[in-house]
């Protein structure tokens, strides 16, 4: 377990670098935190470190966004905030992607606990103060 305390977005690079190092041996990253905590912002920073040139945005309405990295290939970014049931997650192609070997970032994974494998990296973001976040990475 590794924990970071950050006070501004520029400090996210250190967290993103730590997570990017895990991408060599881990493919599924659960990004947890309440609404507005910065989950998509963190995924964007990780993608920068992974040399993704695509614009990273919240897949809240489309459920999944796909980005490309020269080194890592296809990277999938899921957001299950708006789903009603696990079937909707399956319709998004989740099952295929989780077992494809591609890197997957999953927001709002608490809505699909039965669909996730046991070997996910958990990244929890908590608001400590207005401008301070605690980010904990658990393998």
C-alpha atoms as a PDB file:
ATOM      1  CA  UNK A   1       0.000   0.000   0.000  1.00  0.00           C
ATOM      2  CA  UNK A   2       1.220   3.465  -0.888  1.00  0.00           C
ATOM      3  CA  UNK A   3      -0.403   6.722   0.244  1.00  0.00           C
ATOM      4  CA  UNK A   4      -0.023  10.236  -1.141  1.00  0.00           C
ATOM      5  CA  UNK A   5      -1.235  13.560   0.190  1.00  0.00           C
ATOM      6  CA  UNK A   6      -1.635  16.186  -2.515  1.00  0.00           C
ATOM      7  CA  UNK A   7      -2.727  19.796  -2.406  1.00  0.00           C
ATOM      8  CA  UNK A   8      -2.931  20.693  -6.095  1.00  0.00           C
ATOM      9  CA  UNK A   9      -3.282  19.100  -9.497  1.00  0.00           C
ATOM     10  CA  UNK A  10       0.403  19.532 -10.357  1.00  0.00           C
ATOM     11  CA  UNK A  11       1.252  17.065  -7.571  1.00  0.00           C
ATOM     12  CA  UNK A  12      -0.812  14.362  -9.319  1.00  0.00           C
ATOM     13  CA  UNK A  13       2.186  13.607 -11.556  1.00  0.00           C
ATOM     14  CA  UNK A  14       3.893  11.769  -8.686  1.00  0.00           C
ATOM     15  CA  UNK A  15       0.802   9.622  -8.100  1.00  0.00           C
ATOM     16  CA  UNK A  16       0.348   9.012 -11.828  1.00  0.00           C
ATOM     17  CA  UNK A  17       3.990   7.954 -12.148  1.00  0.00           C
ATOM     18  CA  UNK A  18       3.593   5.453  -9.274  1.00  0.00           C
ATOM     19  CA  UNK A  19       0.455   3.983 -10.867  1.00  0.00           C
ATOM     20  CA  UNK A  20       2.015   3.881 -14.344  1.00  0.00           C
ATOM     21  CA  UNK A  21       4.824   1.692 -13.003  1.00  0.00           C
ATOM     22  CA  UNK A  22       2.174  -0.831 -11.937  1.00  0.00           C
ATOM     23  CA  UNK A  23       0.835  -1.041 -15.505  1.00  0.00           C
ATOM     24  CA  UNK A  24       3.661  -3.373 -16.497  1.00  0.00           C
ATOM     25  CA  UNK A  25       2.246  -6.145 -14.292  1.00  0.00           C
ATOM     26  CA  UNK A  26      -1.358  -5.059 -13.599  1.00  0.00           C
ATOM     27  CA  UNK A  27      -4.148  -4.272 -16.022  1.00  0.00           C
ATOM     28  CA  UNK A  28      -7.234  -3.411 -13.967  1.00  0.00           C
ATOM     29  CA  UNK A  29      -7.325  -0.306 -11.804  1.00  0.00           C
ATOM     30  CA  UNK A  30     -10.362   0.554  -9.679  1.00  0.00           C
ATOM     31  CA  UNK A  31     -10.530   4.317  -9.142  1.00  0.00           C
ATOM     32  CA  UNK A  32     -12.712   5.006  -6.090  1.00  0.00           C
ATOM     33  CA  UNK A  33     -13.979   8.225  -4.575  1.00  0.00           C
ATOM     34  CA  UNK A  34     -17.049  10.358  -4.206  1.00  0.00           C
ATOM     35  CA  UNK A  35     -18.451  12.554  -6.977  1.00  0.00           C
ATOM     36  CA  UNK A  36     -16.108  15.415  -7.861  1.00  0.00           C
ATOM     37  CA  UNK A  37     -13.076  14.056  -5.994  1.00  0.00           C
ATOM     38  CA  UNK A  38     -10.924  13.943  -9.144  1.00  0.00           C
ATOM     39  CA  UNK A  39     -11.126  10.377 -10.448  1.00  0.00           C
ATOM     40  CA  UNK A  40     -11.165  11.329 -14.133  1.00  0.00           C
ATOM     41  CA  UNK A  41      -8.501  13.964 -13.550  1.00  0.00           C
ATOM     42  CA  UNK A  42      -6.232  11.297 -12.077  1.00  0.00           C
ATOM     43  CA  UNK A  43      -6.915   8.937 -15.002  1.00  0.00           C
ATOM     44  CA  UNK A  44      -5.969  11.809 -17.322  1.00  0.00           C
ATOM     45  CA  UNK A  45      -2.664  12.298 -15.514  1.00  0.00           C
ATOM     46  CA  UNK A  46      -1.913   8.568 -15.654  1.00  0.00           C
ATOM     47  CA  UNK A  47      -2.659   8.556 -19.379  1.00  0.00           C
ATOM     48  CA  UNK A  48      -0.233  11.460 -19.892  1.00  0.00           C
ATOM     49  CA  UNK A  49       2.502   9.439 -18.194  1.00  0.00           C
ATOM     50  CA  UNK A  50       1.565   6.473 -20.431  1.00  0.00           C
ATOM     51  CA  UNK A  51       2.011   8.775 -23.461  1.00  0.00           C
ATOM     52  CA  UNK A  52      -1.626   8.771 -24.488  1.00  0.00           C
ATOM     53  CA  UNK A  53      -2.215  11.565 -26.985  1.00  0.00           C
ATOM     54  CA  UNK A  54      -6.011  11.282 -26.988  1.00  0.00           C
ATOM     55  CA  UNK A  55      -8.069  13.716 -24.951  1.00  0.00           C
ATOM     56  CA  UNK A  56      -9.073  12.010 -21.701  1.00  0.00           C
ATOM     57  CA  UNK A  57     -12.606  12.825 -20.604  1.00  0.00           C
ATOM     58  CA  UNK A  58     -15.267  11.379 -18.361  1.00  0.00           C
ATOM     59  CA  UNK A  59     -17.075   8.431 -19.941  1.00  0.00           C
ATOM     60  CA  UNK A  60     -20.103   9.001 -17.703  1.00  0.00           C
ATOM     61  CA  UNK A  61     -22.639   9.047 -20.544  1.00  0.00           C
ATOM     62  CA  UNK A  62     -20.943   6.668 -22.965  1.00  0.00           C
ATOM     63  CA  UNK A  63     -19.814   4.289 -20.173  1.00  0.00           C
ATOM     64  CA  UNK A  64     -16.420   3.627 -21.814  1.00  0.00           C
ATOM     65  CA  UNK A  65     -13.775   5.720 -23.556  1.00  0.00           C
ATOM     66  CA  UNK A  66     -10.860   4.108 -25.344  1.00  0.00           C
ATOM     67  CA  UNK A  67      -7.453   5.748 -25.629  1.00  0.00           C
ATOM     68  CA  UNK A  68      -4.238   4.594 -27.299  1.00  0.00           C
ATOM     69  CA  UNK A  69      -0.654   4.416 -26.057  1.00  0.00           C
ATOM     70  CA  UNK A  70       2.291   3.430 -28.279  1.00  0.00           C
ATOM     71  CA  UNK A  71       3.758   1.397 -25.425  1.00  0.00           C
ATOM     72  CA  UNK A  72       0.607  -0.103 -23.898  1.00  0.00           C
ATOM     73  CA  UNK A  73      -1.838  -0.197 -26.811  1.00  0.00           C
ATOM     74  CA  UNK A  74      -5.533   0.199 -26.093  1.00  0.00           C
ATOM     75  CA  UNK A  75      -6.494   1.653 -22.714  1.00  0.00           C
ATOM     76  CA  UNK A  76     -10.118   1.538 -21.560  1.00  0.00           C
ATOM     77  CA  UNK A  77     -11.695   3.995 -19.148  1.00  0.00           C
ATOM     78  CA  UNK A  78     -15.059   2.893 -17.714  1.00  0.00           C
ATOM     79  CA  UNK A  79     -17.486   4.962 -15.635  1.00  0.00           C
ATOM     80  CA  UNK A  80     -20.461   3.055 -14.239  1.00  0.00           C
ATOM     81  CA  UNK A  81     -22.053   5.923 -12.301  1.00  0.00           C
ATOM     82  CA  UNK A  82     -25.194   6.016 -14.450  1.00  0.00           C
ATOM     83  CA  UNK A  83     -25.832   2.298 -14.947  1.00  0.00           C
ATOM     84  CA  UNK A  84     -28.949   0.722 -13.520  1.00  0.00           C
ATOM     85  CA  UNK A  85     -27.723  -2.878 -13.401  1.00  0.00           C
ATOM     86  CA  UNK A  86     -24.754  -5.118 -14.148  1.00  0.00           C
ATOM     87  CA  UNK A  87     -26.218  -6.110 -17.522  1.00  0.00           C
ATOM     88  CA  UNK A  88     -25.596  -2.564 -18.770  1.00  0.00           C
ATOM     89  CA  UNK A  89     -21.947  -2.950 -17.777  1.00  0.00           C
ATOM     90  CA  UNK A  90     -21.737  -6.186 -19.743  1.00  0.00           C
ATOM     91  CA  UNK A  91     -23.319  -4.448 -22.748  1.00  0.00           C
ATOM     92  CA  UNK A  92     -20.472  -1.902 -22.673  1.00  0.00           C
ATOM     93  CA  UNK A  93     -17.960  -4.645 -23.474  1.00  0.00           C
ATOM     94  CA  UNK A  94     -16.628  -4.810 -19.933  1.00  0.00           C
ATOM     95  CA  UNK A  95     -16.152  -8.568 -19.846  1.00  0.00           C
ATOM     96  CA  UNK A  96     -14.125  -8.636 -23.077  1.00  0.00           C
ATOM     97  CA  UNK A  97     -11.939  -5.744 -21.976  1.00  0.00           C
ATOM     98  CA  UNK A  98     -11.259  -6.973 -18.435  1.00  0.00           C
ATOM     99  CA  UNK A  99      -9.790 -10.182 -19.819  1.00  0.00           C
ATOM    100  CA  UNK A 100      -8.136  -8.709 -22.921  1.00  0.00           C
ATOM    101  CA  UNK A 101      -4.854  -7.813 -21.257  1.00  0.00           C
ATOM    102  CA  UNK A 102      -5.526  -4.128 -21.967  1.00  0.00           C
ATOM    103  CA  UNK A 103      -5.196  -1.579 -19.189  1.00  0.00           C
ATOM    104  CA  UNK A 104      -8.627  -0.724 -17.761  1.00  0.00           C
ATOM    105  CA  UNK A 105      -9.477   2.122 -15.403  1.00  0.00           C
ATOM    106  CA  UNK A 106     -12.864   1.605 -13.732  1.00  0.00           C
ATOM    107  CA  UNK A 107     -14.785   4.357 -11.949  1.00  0.00           C
ATOM    108  CA  UNK A 108     -17.811   3.505  -9.777  1.00  0.00           C
ATOM    109  CA  UNK A 109     -16.814  -0.170  -9.604  1.00  0.00           C
ATOM    110  CA  UNK A 110     -19.021  -0.491  -6.508  1.00  0.00           C
ATOM    111  CA  UNK A 111     -21.954  -0.830  -8.933  1.00  0.00           C
ATOM    112  CA  UNK A 112     -20.485  -3.987 -10.513  1.00  0.00           C
ATOM    113  CA  UNK A 113     -18.693  -5.926  -7.744  1.00  0.00           C
ATOM    114  CA  UNK A 114     -19.664  -9.383  -9.048  1.00  0.00           C
ATOM    115  CA  UNK A 115     -18.183  -8.643 -12.479  1.00  0.00           C
ATOM    116  CA  UNK A 116     -14.676  -7.700 -11.354  1.00  0.00           C
ATOM    117  CA  UNK A 117     -11.786 -10.136 -10.999  1.00  0.00           C
ATOM    118  CA  UNK A 118     -10.000 -10.471  -7.661  1.00  0.00           C
ATOM    119  CA  UNK A 119      -6.699  -9.085  -8.946  1.00  0.00           C
ATOM    120  CA  UNK A 120      -7.488  -5.378  -9.342  1.00  0.00           C
ATOM    121  CA  UNK A 121      -5.333  -2.500  -8.131  1.00  0.00           C
ATOM    122  CA  UNK A 122      -7.449  -0.255  -5.903  1.00  0.00           C
ATOM    123  CA  UNK A 123      -6.861   3.513  -6.031  1.00  0.00           C
ATOM    124  CA  UNK A 124      -8.931   5.372  -3.426  1.00  0.00           C
ATOM    125  CA  UNK A 125      -9.196   9.170  -3.460  1.00  0.00           C
ATOM    126  CA  UNK A 126     -10.500  10.968  -0.386  1.00  0.00           C
ATOM    127  CA  UNK A 127     -11.098  14.659   0.272  1.00  0.00           C
ATOM    128  CA  UNK A 128      -9.199  15.587   3.427  1.00  0.00           C
ATOM    129  CA  UNK A 129      -9.691  19.354   3.196  1.00  0.00           C
ATOM    130  CA  UNK A 130     -11.032  21.625   0.465  1.00  0.00           C
ATOM    131  CA  UNK A 131      -7.755  21.529  -1.489  1.00  0.00           C
ATOM    132  CA  UNK A 132      -6.198  18.348  -0.136  1.00  0.00           C
ATOM    133  CA  UNK A 133      -6.685  14.802  -1.327  1.00  0.00           C
ATOM    134  CA  UNK A 134      -5.427  11.540   0.137  1.00  0.00           C
ATOM    135  CA  UNK A 135      -4.756   8.921  -2.524  1.00  0.00           C
ATOM    136  CA  UNK A 136      -4.128   5.333  -1.465  1.00  0.00           C
ATOM    137  CA  UNK A 137      -2.944   2.657  -3.879  1.00  0.00           C
ATOM    138  CA  UNK A 138      -3.515  -0.943  -2.789  1.00  0.00           C
ATOM    139  CA  UNK A 139      -2.374  -3.944  -4.790  1.00  0.00           C
END
